């Protein structure tokens, strides 16, 4: 369980284990997108959410509500933030690195929303349970994906 919750012990890195978890999610997402495209990334995200929730629930019964070393939630959120990249590359039939600005915006805005915890992100985090641990990062990932889509629309509509 601890290997899953720490995303194979990445969550034990200091400082800022959440950022390390998000960074570790990037090459795995890249591999998933290369192997099976957007649909494999989606399936892996759903599986990681379910397994991560179970691991988080088991590991937080007697401890702090959201220990910093649990980073599977950051992995799930980061993968969600990358959905527009994977889906866009699939729609346009291009290499996923052609959408490199999306990789950057997905990472930067996911970390921003995860740390800042605006609105629904903060409300989910305030639950204080395993579902809240997972949901705040899911919502941060969705917010990041929306910002990335808006930035891509702006770039393609104004700059091209």
C-alpha atoms as a PDB file:
ATOM      1  CA  UNK A   1       0.000   0.000   0.000  1.00  0.00           C
ATOM      2  CA  UNK A   2       2.765   2.448   0.863  1.00  0.00           C
ATOM      3  CA  UNK A   3       4.432   1.896  -2.519  1.00  0.00           C
ATOM      4  CA  UNK A   4       1.196   2.876  -4.259  1.00  0.00           C
ATOM      5  CA  UNK A   5       0.448   5.861  -2.009  1.00  0.00           C
ATOM      6  CA  UNK A   6       3.992   7.227  -2.449  1.00  0.00           C
ATOM      7  CA  UNK A   7       3.979   6.456  -6.206  1.00  0.00           C
ATOM      8  CA  UNK A   8       6.793   3.974  -5.788  1.00  0.00           C
ATOM      9  CA  UNK A   9       8.446   5.983  -2.994  1.00  0.00           C
ATOM     10  CA  UNK A  10       8.693   9.283  -4.884  1.00  0.00           C
ATOM     11  CA  UNK A  11       6.576  10.798  -2.098  1.00  0.00           C
ATOM     12  CA  UNK A  12       9.450  10.275   0.322  1.00  0.00           C
ATOM     13  CA  UNK A  13      11.644  12.775  -1.548  1.00  0.00           C
ATOM     14  CA  UNK A  14      12.191  16.119   0.178  1.00  0.00           C
ATOM     15  CA  UNK A  15      11.445  18.974  -0.088  1.00  0.00           C
ATOM     16  CA  UNK A  16       8.018  19.373  -1.668  1.00  0.00           C
ATOM     17  CA  UNK A  17       6.949  15.732  -2.134  1.00  0.00           C
ATOM     18  CA  UNK A  18       3.794  16.854  -3.974  1.00  0.00           C
ATOM     19  CA  UNK A  19       5.881  18.546  -6.639  1.00  0.00           C
ATOM     20  CA  UNK A  20       8.083  15.458  -6.926  1.00  0.00           C
ATOM     21  CA  UNK A  21       4.942  13.350  -7.341  1.00  0.00           C
ATOM     22  CA  UNK A  22       3.661  15.640 -10.089  1.00  0.00           C
ATOM     23  CA  UNK A  23       7.039  15.548 -11.841  1.00  0.00           C
ATOM     24  CA  UNK A  24       7.163  11.748 -11.626  1.00  0.00           C
ATOM     25  CA  UNK A  25       3.694  11.597 -13.189  1.00  0.00           C
ATOM     26  CA  UNK A  26       4.914  13.323 -16.377  1.00  0.00           C
ATOM     27  CA  UNK A  27       7.190  10.610 -17.857  1.00  0.00           C
ATOM     28  CA  UNK A  28       4.674   7.920 -16.918  1.00  0.00           C
ATOM     29  CA  UNK A  29       1.921   9.888 -18.690  1.00  0.00           C
ATOM     30  CA  UNK A  30       4.223  10.266 -21.689  1.00  0.00           C
ATOM     31  CA  UNK A  31       4.796   6.510 -21.796  1.00  0.00           C
ATOM     32  CA  UNK A  32       1.069   5.797 -21.448  1.00  0.00           C
ATOM     33  CA  UNK A  33       0.285   8.218 -24.276  1.00  0.00           C
ATOM     34  CA  UNK A  34       2.946   6.632 -26.502  1.00  0.00           C
ATOM     35  CA  UNK A  35       1.738   3.107 -25.798  1.00  0.00           C
ATOM     36  CA  UNK A  36      -2.016   3.551 -25.907  1.00  0.00           C
ATOM     37  CA  UNK A  37      -2.853   7.191 -26.461  1.00  0.00           C
ATOM     38  CA  UNK A  38      -5.453   9.220 -24.617  1.00  0.00           C
ATOM     39  CA  UNK A  39      -7.690   6.244 -23.820  1.00  0.00           C
ATOM     40  CA  UNK A  40      -4.915   4.410 -21.980  1.00  0.00           C
ATOM     41  CA  UNK A  41      -4.113   7.549 -19.977  1.00  0.00           C
ATOM     42  CA  UNK A  42      -7.799   7.855 -19.077  1.00  0.00           C
ATOM     43  CA  UNK A  43      -8.002   4.204 -18.000  1.00  0.00           C
ATOM     44  CA  UNK A  44      -4.779   4.484 -15.982  1.00  0.00           C
ATOM     45  CA  UNK A  45      -6.096   7.629 -14.276  1.00  0.00           C
ATOM     46  CA  UNK A  46      -9.331   5.906 -13.264  1.00  0.00           C
ATOM     47  CA  UNK A  47      -7.402   2.883 -11.980  1.00  0.00           C
ATOM     48  CA  UNK A  48      -4.914   5.072 -10.090  1.00  0.00           C
ATOM     49  CA  UNK A  49      -7.790   6.979  -8.490  1.00  0.00           C
ATOM     50  CA  UNK A  50      -9.474   3.782  -7.260  1.00  0.00           C
ATOM     51  CA  UNK A  51      -6.268   2.162  -6.051  1.00  0.00           C
ATOM     52  CA  UNK A  52      -4.992   5.450  -4.613  1.00  0.00           C
ATOM     53  CA  UNK A  53      -8.219   6.017  -2.714  1.00  0.00           C
ATOM     54  CA  UNK A  54      -8.030   2.514  -1.199  1.00  0.00           C
ATOM     55  CA  UNK A  55      -4.360   2.955  -0.258  1.00  0.00           C
ATOM     56  CA  UNK A  56      -4.939   6.424   1.182  1.00  0.00           C
ATOM     57  CA  UNK A  57      -7.912   5.220   3.189  1.00  0.00           C
ATOM     58  CA  UNK A  58      -5.938   2.301   4.618  1.00  0.00           C
ATOM     59  CA  UNK A  59      -2.892   4.426   5.475  1.00  0.00           C
ATOM     60  CA  UNK A  60      -4.689   7.419   7.023  1.00  0.00           C
ATOM     61  CA  UNK A  61      -7.030   5.650   9.458  1.00  0.00           C
ATOM     62  CA  UNK A  62      -4.887   6.427  12.492  1.00  0.00           C
ATOM     63  CA  UNK A  63      -2.693   9.230  11.191  1.00  0.00           C
ATOM     64  CA  UNK A  64      -2.808  12.709   9.764  1.00  0.00           C
ATOM     65  CA  UNK A  65      -5.593  13.487   7.324  1.00  0.00           C
ATOM     66  CA  UNK A  66      -3.311  14.200   4.340  1.00  0.00           C
ATOM     67  CA  UNK A  67       0.309  13.205   4.972  1.00  0.00           C
ATOM     68  CA  UNK A  68       2.657  14.944   2.544  1.00  0.00           C
ATOM     69  CA  UNK A  69       4.277  11.643   1.524  1.00  0.00           C
ATOM     70  CA  UNK A  70       1.031  10.413  -0.072  1.00  0.00           C
ATOM     71  CA  UNK A  71       1.417  11.603  -3.671  1.00  0.00           C
ATOM     72  CA  UNK A  72      -0.767   9.219  -5.665  1.00  0.00           C
ATOM     73  CA  UNK A  73      -3.377  11.988  -5.548  1.00  0.00           C
ATOM     74  CA  UNK A  74      -0.921  14.358  -7.247  1.00  0.00           C
ATOM     75  CA  UNK A  75      -0.274  11.751  -9.927  1.00  0.00           C
ATOM     76  CA  UNK A  76      -3.997  11.410 -10.637  1.00  0.00           C
ATOM     77  CA  UNK A  77      -4.482  15.181 -10.708  1.00  0.00           C
ATOM     78  CA  UNK A  78      -1.459  15.715 -12.956  1.00  0.00           C
ATOM     79  CA  UNK A  79      -2.700  13.101 -15.394  1.00  0.00           C
ATOM     80  CA  UNK A  80      -6.103  14.795 -15.515  1.00  0.00           C
ATOM     81  CA  UNK A  81      -4.353  18.101 -16.194  1.00  0.00           C
ATOM     82  CA  UNK A  82      -2.686  16.396 -19.193  1.00  0.00           C
ATOM     83  CA  UNK A  83      -5.969  15.147 -20.708  1.00  0.00           C
ATOM     84  CA  UNK A  84      -6.175  18.070 -23.177  1.00  0.00           C
ATOM     85  CA  UNK A  85      -2.654  17.289 -24.395  1.00  0.00           C
ATOM     86  CA  UNK A  86      -3.380  13.613 -24.975  1.00  0.00           C
ATOM     87  CA  UNK A  87      -6.806  14.196 -26.463  1.00  0.00           C
ATOM     88  CA  UNK A  88      -5.597  17.055 -28.649  1.00  0.00           C
ATOM     89  CA  UNK A  89      -2.698  15.014 -30.010  1.00  0.00           C
ATOM     90  CA  UNK A  90      -5.084  12.157 -30.744  1.00  0.00           C
ATOM     91  CA  UNK A  91      -7.566  14.440 -32.542  1.00  0.00           C
ATOM     92  CA  UNK A  92      -4.875  16.079 -34.640  1.00  0.00           C
ATOM     93  CA  UNK A  93      -2.918  12.834 -35.196  1.00  0.00           C
ATOM     94  CA  UNK A  94       0.327  14.493 -34.136  1.00  0.00           C
ATOM     95  CA  UNK A  95       3.160  13.541 -31.831  1.00  0.00           C
ATOM     96  CA  UNK A  96       2.351  14.458 -28.244  1.00  0.00           C
ATOM     97  CA  UNK A  97       5.479  16.641 -28.017  1.00  0.00           C
ATOM     98  CA  UNK A  98       4.050  18.963 -30.686  1.00  0.00           C
ATOM     99  CA  UNK A  99       1.766  20.116 -27.878  1.00  0.00           C
ATOM    100  CA  UNK A 100       4.693  20.927 -25.563  1.00  0.00           C
ATOM    101  CA  UNK A 101       3.167  24.182 -24.258  1.00  0.00           C
ATOM    102  CA  UNK A 102       0.290  22.074 -22.910  1.00  0.00           C
ATOM    103  CA  UNK A 103       2.722  19.930 -20.922  1.00  0.00           C
ATOM    104  CA  UNK A 104       4.152  23.041 -19.314  1.00  0.00           C
ATOM    105  CA  UNK A 105       0.814  24.702 -18.588  1.00  0.00           C
ATOM    106  CA  UNK A 106      -0.634  21.442 -17.231  1.00  0.00           C
ATOM    107  CA  UNK A 107       2.236  21.103 -14.776  1.00  0.00           C
ATOM    108  CA  UNK A 108       2.457  24.749 -13.716  1.00  0.00           C
ATOM    109  CA  UNK A 109      -1.267  25.311 -13.292  1.00  0.00           C
ATOM    110  CA  UNK A 110      -1.831  21.972 -11.581  1.00  0.00           C
ATOM    111  CA  UNK A 111       0.827  22.799  -8.991  1.00  0.00           C
ATOM    112  CA  UNK A 112      -0.619  26.308  -8.601  1.00  0.00           C
ATOM    113  CA  UNK A 113      -4.169  25.061  -7.983  1.00  0.00           C
ATOM    114  CA  UNK A 114      -2.972  22.215  -5.761  1.00  0.00           C
ATOM    115  CA  UNK A 115      -0.972  24.554  -3.537  1.00  0.00           C
ATOM    116  CA  UNK A 116      -3.350  27.542  -3.604  1.00  0.00           C
ATOM    117  CA  UNK A 117      -6.500  25.390  -3.185  1.00  0.00           C
ATOM    118  CA  UNK A 118      -9.063  27.846  -4.566  1.00  0.00           C
ATOM    119  CA  UNK A 119     -12.820  27.313  -4.232  1.00  0.00           C
ATOM    120  CA  UNK A 120     -13.776  23.666  -4.860  1.00  0.00           C
ATOM    121  CA  UNK A 121     -10.212  22.447  -4.418  1.00  0.00           C
ATOM    122  CA  UNK A 122     -10.128  23.824  -0.891  1.00  0.00           C
ATOM    123  CA  UNK A 123     -13.604  22.525  -0.121  1.00  0.00           C
ATOM    124  CA  UNK A 124     -12.601  19.005  -1.145  1.00  0.00           C
ATOM    125  CA  UNK A 125      -9.383  19.260   0.864  1.00  0.00           C
ATOM    126  CA  UNK A 126     -11.353  20.380   3.929  1.00  0.00           C
ATOM    127  CA  UNK A 127     -13.250  17.065   3.975  1.00  0.00           C
ATOM    128  CA  UNK A 128     -10.365  15.624   5.960  1.00  0.00           C
ATOM    129  CA  UNK A 129     -10.823  12.075   4.694  1.00  0.00           C
ATOM    130  CA  UNK A 130      -9.294   9.825   2.039  1.00  0.00           C
ATOM    131  CA  UNK A 131     -11.831  10.913  -0.571  1.00  0.00           C
ATOM    132  CA  UNK A 132     -10.979  14.552   0.106  1.00  0.00           C
ATOM    133  CA  UNK A 133      -7.277  13.764  -0.273  1.00  0.00           C
ATOM    134  CA  UNK A 134      -7.969  12.399  -3.751  1.00  0.00           C
ATOM    135  CA  UNK A 135     -10.693  14.843  -4.831  1.00  0.00           C
ATOM    136  CA  UNK A 136      -8.807  18.080  -4.189  1.00  0.00           C
ATOM    137  CA  UNK A 137      -6.198  16.977  -6.723  1.00  0.00           C
ATOM    138  CA  UNK A 138      -8.818  15.737  -9.179  1.00  0.00           C
ATOM    139  CA  UNK A 139     -10.464  19.161  -9.085  1.00  0.00           C
ATOM    140  CA  UNK A 140      -7.090  20.939  -9.325  1.00  0.00           C
ATOM    141  CA  UNK A 141      -6.376  18.764 -12.381  1.00  0.00           C
ATOM    142  CA  UNK A 142      -9.708  19.695 -13.962  1.00  0.00           C
ATOM    143  CA  UNK A 143      -9.069  23.404 -13.311  1.00  0.00           C
ATOM    144  CA  UNK A 144      -5.606  23.073 -14.828  1.00  0.00           C
ATOM    145  CA  UNK A 145      -7.009  21.278 -17.876  1.00  0.00           C
ATOM    146  CA  UNK A 146      -9.554  24.068 -18.384  1.00  0.00           C
ATOM    147  CA  UNK A 147      -6.839  26.727 -18.174  1.00  0.00           C
ATOM    148  CA  UNK A 148      -4.675  24.770 -20.633  1.00  0.00           C
ATOM    149  CA  UNK A 149      -7.583  24.520 -23.078  1.00  0.00           C
ATOM    150  CA  UNK A 150      -8.246  28.256 -22.750  1.00  0.00           C
ATOM    151  CA  UNK A 151      -4.569  29.072 -23.310  1.00  0.00           C
ATOM    152  CA  UNK A 152      -4.444  26.808 -26.375  1.00  0.00           C
ATOM    153  CA  UNK A 153      -7.572  28.448 -27.777  1.00  0.00           C
ATOM    154  CA  UNK A 154      -6.048  31.865 -27.178  1.00  0.00           C
ATOM    155  CA  UNK A 155      -2.740  30.857 -28.768  1.00  0.00           C
ATOM    156  CA  UNK A 156      -4.346  29.301 -31.816  1.00  0.00           C
ATOM    157  CA  UNK A 157      -6.931  32.017 -32.235  1.00  0.00           C
ATOM    158  CA  UNK A 158      -4.701  35.029 -31.665  1.00  0.00           C
ATOM    159  CA  UNK A 159      -1.178  33.960 -32.494  1.00  0.00           C
ATOM    160  CA  UNK A 160      -1.853  31.854 -35.587  1.00  0.00           C
END
